[in-house]
């Protein structure tokens, strides 16, 4: 992932807060077997200290690829919007001279994958995921000897993705003048399509922290 200086995360807390704020679905990318394309799997995940926790169906073709090469990449992205050219035209130039772009946030975790097959270890992984996704506890106990999870555990495998590096990008034109960034955020708020509103919030948040860009 190419990151310009003005798109870089401001600190670790920025990307960690963004992930914790409901960005818990991403793309697991695994090197393919020799002569085959890489394998990519969209999936929910949870963070556990220095690991990402994932579970997938046992028939998933990703397992052979992971066993062959446990070096994987997990990418999370969101708060994205297409920014049309006229919104980015420089002052005093025709609006048609503006060049469009994309705004987005993305966090990439470089990881070493550890497969979890022990039944109790899989059950504990599921408990941790359910604690995140269903914090009210409105689910049956995850017990290896009790339904419904006990009979389903053999059909899945778990993954503990040991995070070895994190790269984060917040691409919101932070190198542009304050007036320009404020105007684009206002236009996103007015357009209200797709993820325009969360994109505008990210742009305003970065604007409040950065102010005028200083190389």
C-alpha atoms as a PDB file:
ATOM      1  CA  UNK A   1       0.000   0.000   0.000  1.00  0.00           C
ATOM      2  CA  UNK A   2       1.535   3.295  -1.120  1.00  0.00           C
ATOM      3  CA  UNK A   3       1.307   6.008   1.549  1.00  0.00           C
ATOM      4  CA  UNK A   4       2.073   9.665   0.901  1.00  0.00           C
ATOM      5  CA  UNK A   5       3.416  11.584   3.927  1.00  0.00           C
ATOM      6  CA  UNK A   6       0.146  13.522   4.291  1.00  0.00           C
ATOM      7  CA  UNK A   7      -1.903  10.301   4.211  1.00  0.00           C
ATOM      8  CA  UNK A   8       0.069   8.560   6.954  1.00  0.00           C
ATOM      9  CA  UNK A   9      -1.501   7.719  10.294  1.00  0.00           C
ATOM     10  CA  UNK A  10      -0.736  10.360  12.892  1.00  0.00           C
ATOM     11  CA  UNK A  11       0.015   7.795  15.581  1.00  0.00           C
ATOM     12  CA  UNK A  12      -0.826   4.240  16.607  1.00  0.00           C
ATOM     13  CA  UNK A  13      -3.826   5.411  18.608  1.00  0.00           C
ATOM     14  CA  UNK A  14      -5.419   6.842  15.455  1.00  0.00           C
ATOM     15  CA  UNK A  15      -5.619   3.582  13.536  1.00  0.00           C
ATOM     16  CA  UNK A  16      -6.338   1.508  16.674  1.00  0.00           C
ATOM     17  CA  UNK A  17      -9.279   3.761  17.540  1.00  0.00           C
ATOM     18  CA  UNK A  18     -10.546   3.559  13.972  1.00  0.00           C
ATOM     19  CA  UNK A  19     -10.421  -0.242  14.050  1.00  0.00           C
ATOM     20  CA  UNK A  20     -12.172  -0.337  17.432  1.00  0.00           C
ATOM     21  CA  UNK A  21     -14.907   1.981  16.138  1.00  0.00           C
ATOM     22  CA  UNK A  22     -16.762  -0.810  14.361  1.00  0.00           C
ATOM     23  CA  UNK A  23     -14.252  -1.596  11.599  1.00  0.00           C
ATOM     24  CA  UNK A  24     -14.103  -5.342  12.227  1.00  0.00           C
ATOM     25  CA  UNK A  25     -14.481  -6.809   8.736  1.00  0.00           C
ATOM     26  CA  UNK A  26     -11.552  -7.238   6.383  1.00  0.00           C
ATOM     27  CA  UNK A  27      -9.821  -9.223   3.676  1.00  0.00           C
ATOM     28  CA  UNK A  28      -7.404 -12.033   4.482  1.00  0.00           C
ATOM     29  CA  UNK A  29      -4.837 -12.386   1.674  1.00  0.00           C
ATOM     30  CA  UNK A  30      -2.667 -15.485   1.449  1.00  0.00           C
ATOM     31  CA  UNK A  31       0.070 -16.414  -1.011  1.00  0.00           C
ATOM     32  CA  UNK A  32      -1.215 -19.026  -3.429  1.00  0.00           C
ATOM     33  CA  UNK A  33       0.256 -22.436  -3.931  1.00  0.00           C
ATOM     34  CA  UNK A  34       2.997 -22.599  -6.587  1.00  0.00           C
ATOM     35  CA  UNK A  35       1.564 -21.645  -9.961  1.00  0.00           C
ATOM     36  CA  UNK A  36      -1.741 -20.477  -8.453  1.00  0.00           C
ATOM     37  CA  UNK A  37      -3.194 -17.046  -7.757  1.00  0.00           C
ATOM     38  CA  UNK A  38      -3.269 -15.651  -4.200  1.00  0.00           C
ATOM     39  CA  UNK A  39      -6.258 -16.594  -2.065  1.00  0.00           C
ATOM     40  CA  UNK A  40      -8.407 -13.777  -0.620  1.00  0.00           C
ATOM     41  CA  UNK A  41     -11.097 -14.339   2.009  1.00  0.00           C
ATOM     42  CA  UNK A  42     -13.457 -11.616   3.302  1.00  0.00           C
ATOM     43  CA  UNK A  43     -14.248 -12.188   6.969  1.00  0.00           C
ATOM     44  CA  UNK A  44     -15.060 -10.651  10.344  1.00  0.00           C
ATOM     45  CA  UNK A  45     -12.255 -10.572  12.909  1.00  0.00           C
ATOM     46  CA  UNK A  46     -11.526  -9.494  16.451  1.00  0.00           C
ATOM     47  CA  UNK A  47      -8.334  -8.141  17.988  1.00  0.00           C
ATOM     48  CA  UNK A  48      -6.720  -9.875  20.941  1.00  0.00           C
ATOM     49  CA  UNK A  49      -3.598  -8.080  22.132  1.00  0.00           C
ATOM     50  CA  UNK A  50      -1.068  -8.628  19.331  1.00  0.00           C
ATOM     51  CA  UNK A  51      -3.263 -11.034  17.361  1.00  0.00           C
ATOM     52  CA  UNK A  52      -6.271 -10.997  15.068  1.00  0.00           C
ATOM     53  CA  UNK A  53      -8.761 -13.809  15.631  1.00  0.00           C
ATOM     54  CA  UNK A  54     -10.567 -15.420  12.697  1.00  0.00           C
ATOM     55  CA  UNK A  55     -12.489 -18.629  12.106  1.00  0.00           C
ATOM     56  CA  UNK A  56     -13.361 -20.126   8.724  1.00  0.00           C
ATOM     57  CA  UNK A  57     -15.096 -23.219   7.395  1.00  0.00           C
ATOM     58  CA  UNK A  58     -12.908 -26.311   7.224  1.00  0.00           C
ATOM     59  CA  UNK A  59     -13.566 -26.824   3.448  1.00  0.00           C
ATOM     60  CA  UNK A  60     -12.212 -23.333   2.690  1.00  0.00           C
ATOM     61  CA  UNK A  61      -9.324 -23.610   0.157  1.00  0.00           C
ATOM     62  CA  UNK A  62      -7.321 -21.067   2.140  1.00  0.00           C
ATOM     63  CA  UNK A  63      -5.972 -23.719   4.553  1.00  0.00           C
ATOM     64  CA  UNK A  64      -3.629 -25.422   2.094  1.00  0.00           C
ATOM     65  CA  UNK A  65      -2.212 -22.044   1.119  1.00  0.00           C
ATOM     66  CA  UNK A  66      -1.634 -21.054   4.757  1.00  0.00           C
ATOM     67  CA  UNK A  67       0.012 -24.378   5.546  1.00  0.00           C
ATOM     68  CA  UNK A  68       2.320 -23.790   2.589  1.00  0.00           C
ATOM     69  CA  UNK A  69       3.130 -20.188   3.608  1.00  0.00           C
ATOM     70  CA  UNK A  70       1.889 -18.724   6.924  1.00  0.00           C
ATOM     71  CA  UNK A  71       2.938 -15.169   5.993  1.00  0.00           C
ATOM     72  CA  UNK A  72      -0.372 -13.375   5.368  1.00  0.00           C
ATOM     73  CA  UNK A  73      -1.829  -9.895   4.999  1.00  0.00           C
ATOM     74  CA  UNK A  74      -5.091  -8.715   6.530  1.00  0.00           C
ATOM     75  CA  UNK A  75      -6.600  -5.501   5.140  1.00  0.00           C
ATOM     76  CA  UNK A  76      -9.402  -3.424   6.621  1.00  0.00           C
ATOM     77  CA  UNK A  77     -10.814  -0.442   4.741  1.00  0.00           C
ATOM     78  CA  UNK A  78     -13.771   1.898   5.042  1.00  0.00           C
ATOM     79  CA  UNK A  79     -15.037   5.479   5.203  1.00  0.00           C
ATOM     80  CA  UNK A  80     -14.496   5.781   1.451  1.00  0.00           C
ATOM     81  CA  UNK A  81     -16.026   8.009  -1.203  1.00  0.00           C
ATOM     82  CA  UNK A  82     -15.404   9.072  -4.789  1.00  0.00           C
ATOM     83  CA  UNK A  83     -14.499  12.760  -4.994  1.00  0.00           C
ATOM     84  CA  UNK A  84     -15.450  14.245  -8.394  1.00  0.00           C
ATOM     85  CA  UNK A  85     -13.054  16.494 -10.273  1.00  0.00           C
ATOM     86  CA  UNK A  86     -14.991  19.756  -9.920  1.00  0.00           C
ATOM     87  CA  UNK A  87     -14.742  19.510  -6.130  1.00  0.00           C
ATOM     88  CA  UNK A  88     -10.946  19.516  -6.377  1.00  0.00           C
ATOM     89  CA  UNK A  89     -10.429  22.273  -8.952  1.00  0.00           C
ATOM     90  CA  UNK A  90      -7.911  24.886  -7.843  1.00  0.00           C
ATOM     91  CA  UNK A  91      -9.237  28.374  -7.141  1.00  0.00           C
ATOM     92  CA  UNK A  92      -9.444  30.480 -10.284  1.00  0.00           C
ATOM     93  CA  UNK A  93      -9.407  27.512 -12.680  1.00  0.00           C
ATOM     94  CA  UNK A  94     -12.271  25.907 -14.629  1.00  0.00           C
ATOM     95  CA  UNK A  95     -14.118  23.315 -12.569  1.00  0.00           C
ATOM     96  CA  UNK A  96     -13.540  20.778 -15.343  1.00  0.00           C
ATOM     97  CA  UNK A  97      -9.790  21.039 -14.703  1.00  0.00           C
ATOM     98  CA  UNK A  98     -10.212  19.387 -11.309  1.00  0.00           C
ATOM     99  CA  UNK A  99      -8.842  15.858 -11.066  1.00  0.00           C
ATOM    100  CA  UNK A 100     -11.037  13.298  -9.252  1.00  0.00           C
ATOM    101  CA  UNK A 101      -9.751  11.020  -6.523  1.00  0.00           C
ATOM    102  CA  UNK A 102     -10.839   8.530  -3.878  1.00  0.00           C
ATOM    103  CA  UNK A 103     -10.925   9.149  -0.154  1.00  0.00           C
ATOM    104  CA  UNK A 104     -10.582   6.179   2.194  1.00  0.00           C
ATOM    105  CA  UNK A 105      -9.104   4.798   5.382  1.00  0.00           C
ATOM    106  CA  UNK A 106      -7.177   1.515   5.312  1.00  0.00           C
ATOM    107  CA  UNK A 107      -5.177  -0.517   7.811  1.00  0.00           C
ATOM    108  CA  UNK A 108      -2.995  -3.415   6.698  1.00  0.00           C
ATOM    109  CA  UNK A 109      -1.748  -5.997   9.187  1.00  0.00           C
ATOM    110  CA  UNK A 110       1.217  -8.152   8.193  1.00  0.00           C
ATOM    111  CA  UNK A 111       0.829 -11.383  10.139  1.00  0.00           C
ATOM    112  CA  UNK A 112       2.082 -14.883  10.738  1.00  0.00           C
ATOM    113  CA  UNK A 113      -0.848 -17.284  10.756  1.00  0.00           C
ATOM    114  CA  UNK A 114      -1.240 -19.949  13.420  1.00  0.00           C
ATOM    115  CA  UNK A 115      -3.963 -22.531  12.753  1.00  0.00           C
ATOM    116  CA  UNK A 116      -6.148 -23.492  15.716  1.00  0.00           C
ATOM    117  CA  UNK A 117      -7.561 -27.034  15.591  1.00  0.00           C
ATOM    118  CA  UNK A 118      -7.818 -28.043  19.248  1.00  0.00           C
ATOM    119  CA  UNK A 119     -11.552 -28.137  20.115  1.00  0.00           C
ATOM    120  CA  UNK A 120     -11.269 -26.213  23.387  1.00  0.00           C
ATOM    121  CA  UNK A 121      -8.940 -23.641  21.816  1.00  0.00           C
ATOM    122  CA  UNK A 122     -11.458 -23.146  18.987  1.00  0.00           C
ATOM    123  CA  UNK A 123     -14.243 -22.767  21.522  1.00  0.00           C
ATOM    124  CA  UNK A 124     -12.253 -20.110  23.389  1.00  0.00           C
ATOM    125  CA  UNK A 125     -11.606 -18.269  20.123  1.00  0.00           C
ATOM    126  CA  UNK A 126     -15.352 -18.251  19.411  1.00  0.00           C
ATOM    127  CA  UNK A 127     -16.060 -17.024  22.949  1.00  0.00           C
ATOM    128  CA  UNK A 128     -13.755 -14.076  22.396  1.00  0.00           C
ATOM    129  CA  UNK A 129     -15.382 -13.273  19.076  1.00  0.00           C
ATOM    130  CA  UNK A 130     -18.889 -13.504  20.520  1.00  0.00           C
ATOM    131  CA  UNK A 131     -17.872 -11.267  23.422  1.00  0.00           C
ATOM    132  CA  UNK A 132     -17.066  -8.633  20.802  1.00  0.00           C
ATOM    133  CA  UNK A 133     -19.939  -9.117  18.383  1.00  0.00           C
ATOM    134  CA  UNK A 134     -22.659 -10.073  20.889  1.00  0.00           C
ATOM    135  CA  UNK A 135     -21.556  -8.378  24.113  1.00  0.00           C
ATOM    136  CA  UNK A 136     -25.040  -8.790  25.634  1.00  0.00           C
ATOM    137  CA  UNK A 137     -24.340 -12.518  25.833  1.00  0.00           C
ATOM    138  CA  UNK A 138     -27.532 -13.425  23.967  1.00  0.00           C
ATOM    139  CA  UNK A 139     -26.184 -16.750  22.725  1.00  0.00           C
ATOM    140  CA  UNK A 140     -25.837 -20.316  23.940  1.00  0.00           C
ATOM    141  CA  UNK A 141     -22.652 -21.224  25.828  1.00  0.00           C
ATOM    142  CA  UNK A 142     -19.791 -22.207  23.555  1.00  0.00           C
ATOM    143  CA  UNK A 143     -19.061 -25.641  24.965  1.00  0.00           C
ATOM    144  CA  UNK A 144     -17.275 -28.440  23.144  1.00  0.00           C
ATOM    145  CA  UNK A 145     -19.719 -30.998  24.615  1.00  0.00           C
ATOM    146  CA  UNK A 146     -22.985 -29.099  24.249  1.00  0.00           C
ATOM    147  CA  UNK A 147     -25.180 -28.017  21.313  1.00  0.00           C
ATOM    148  CA  UNK A 148     -25.316 -26.024  19.216  1.00  0.00           C
ATOM    149  CA  UNK A 149     -21.617 -25.131  19.081  1.00  0.00           C
ATOM    150  CA  UNK A 150     -20.229 -28.486  20.196  1.00  0.00           C
ATOM    151  CA  UNK A 151     -21.495 -30.304  17.121  1.00  0.00           C
ATOM    152  CA  UNK A 152     -20.383 -27.457  14.807  1.00  0.00           C
ATOM    153  CA  UNK A 153     -16.789 -27.032  16.026  1.00  0.00           C
ATOM    154  CA  UNK A 154     -15.408 -29.870  13.843  1.00  0.00           C
ATOM    155  CA  UNK A 155     -16.617 -27.956  10.774  1.00  0.00           C
ATOM    156  CA  UNK A 156     -14.398 -24.931  11.390  1.00  0.00           C
ATOM    157  CA  UNK A 157     -10.760 -24.100  11.986  1.00  0.00           C
ATOM    158  CA  UNK A 158      -9.474 -21.090  13.851  1.00  0.00           C
ATOM    159  CA  UNK A 159      -6.718 -18.641  13.032  1.00  0.00           C
ATOM    160  CA  UNK A 160      -4.603 -16.592  15.374  1.00  0.00           C
ATOM    161  CA  UNK A 161      -2.892 -14.029  13.184  1.00  0.00           C
ATOM    162  CA  UNK A 162       0.242 -12.835  14.959  1.00  0.00           C
ATOM    163  CA  UNK A 163       0.671  -9.197  13.918  1.00  0.00           C
ATOM    164  CA  UNK A 164       4.253  -8.378  12.935  1.00  0.00           C
ATOM    165  CA  UNK A 165       3.688  -4.999  11.248  1.00  0.00           C
ATOM    166  CA  UNK A 166       0.899  -2.444  10.790  1.00  0.00           C
ATOM    167  CA  UNK A 167       0.597   0.150   8.019  1.00  0.00           C
ATOM    168  CA  UNK A 168      -2.273   2.631   8.085  1.00  0.00           C
ATOM    169  CA  UNK A 169      -3.460   5.212   5.573  1.00  0.00           C
ATOM    170  CA  UNK A 170      -6.038   7.999   5.875  1.00  0.00           C
ATOM    171  CA  UNK A 171      -6.406   9.537   2.411  1.00  0.00           C
ATOM    172  CA  UNK A 172      -8.428  12.720   2.760  1.00  0.00           C
ATOM    173  CA  UNK A 173      -6.470  15.425   0.878  1.00  0.00           C
ATOM    174  CA  UNK A 174      -4.700  16.575   4.028  1.00  0.00           C
ATOM    175  CA  UNK A 175      -2.077  18.368   1.939  1.00  0.00           C
ATOM    176  CA  UNK A 176      -4.743  20.663   0.464  1.00  0.00           C
ATOM    177  CA  UNK A 177      -5.623  24.062   2.008  1.00  0.00           C
ATOM    178  CA  UNK A 178      -7.954  24.116   4.992  1.00  0.00           C
ATOM    179  CA  UNK A 179     -10.628  25.945   2.986  1.00  0.00           C
ATOM    180  CA  UNK A 180     -10.555  23.248   0.301  1.00  0.00           C
ATOM    181  CA  UNK A 181     -10.851  20.366   2.785  1.00  0.00           C
ATOM    182  CA  UNK A 182     -13.683  22.075   4.624  1.00  0.00           C
ATOM    183  CA  UNK A 183     -15.564  22.638   1.360  1.00  0.00           C
ATOM    184  CA  UNK A 184     -15.202  18.992   0.295  1.00  0.00           C
ATOM    185  CA  UNK A 185     -16.424  17.766   3.686  1.00  0.00           C
ATOM    186  CA  UNK A 186     -19.439  20.061   3.329  1.00  0.00           C
ATOM    187  CA  UNK A 187     -20.138  18.724  -0.182  1.00  0.00           C
ATOM    188  CA  UNK A 188     -19.908  15.130   1.060  1.00  0.00           C
ATOM    189  CA  UNK A 189     -22.364  15.951   3.844  1.00  0.00           C
ATOM    190  CA  UNK A 190     -24.745  17.486   1.334  1.00  0.00           C
ATOM    191  CA  UNK A 191     -24.454  14.611  -1.186  1.00  0.00           C
ATOM    192  CA  UNK A 192     -25.093  11.871   1.439  1.00  0.00           C
ATOM    193  CA  UNK A 193     -24.452   8.893  -0.835  1.00  0.00           C
ATOM    194  CA  UNK A 194     -22.961   5.602   0.349  1.00  0.00           C
ATOM    195  CA  UNK A 195     -20.308   6.320   2.984  1.00  0.00           C
ATOM    196  CA  UNK A 196     -20.209  10.086   2.344  1.00  0.00           C
ATOM    197  CA  UNK A 197     -21.099  11.016   5.930  1.00  0.00           C
ATOM    198  CA  UNK A 198     -18.448   8.892   7.691  1.00  0.00           C
ATOM    199  CA  UNK A 199     -15.946  10.027   5.048  1.00  0.00           C
ATOM    200  CA  UNK A 200     -16.744  13.662   5.841  1.00  0.00           C
ATOM    201  CA  UNK A 201     -16.329  12.930   9.558  1.00  0.00           C
ATOM    202  CA  UNK A 202     -12.886  11.443   8.946  1.00  0.00           C
ATOM    203  CA  UNK A 203     -11.840  14.428   6.870  1.00  0.00           C
ATOM    204  CA  UNK A 204     -12.999  16.882   9.524  1.00  0.00           C
ATOM    205  CA  UNK A 205     -11.342  14.849  12.286  1.00  0.00           C
ATOM    206  CA  UNK A 206      -8.013  14.869  10.458  1.00  0.00           C
ATOM    207  CA  UNK A 207      -8.432  18.571   9.675  1.00  0.00           C
ATOM    208  CA  UNK A 208      -8.948  19.349  13.361  1.00  0.00           C
ATOM    209  CA  UNK A 209      -5.758  17.473  14.289  1.00  0.00           C
ATOM    210  CA  UNK A 210      -3.514  18.551  11.417  1.00  0.00           C
ATOM    211  CA  UNK A 211      -4.741  22.011  10.466  1.00  0.00           C
ATOM    212  CA  UNK A 212      -2.668  23.451   7.582  1.00  0.00           C
ATOM    213  CA  UNK A 213      -0.360  20.757   6.190  1.00  0.00           C
ATOM    214  CA  UNK A 214       3.307  21.261   7.064  1.00  0.00           C
ATOM    215  CA  UNK A 215       5.751  18.981   5.185  1.00  0.00           C
END
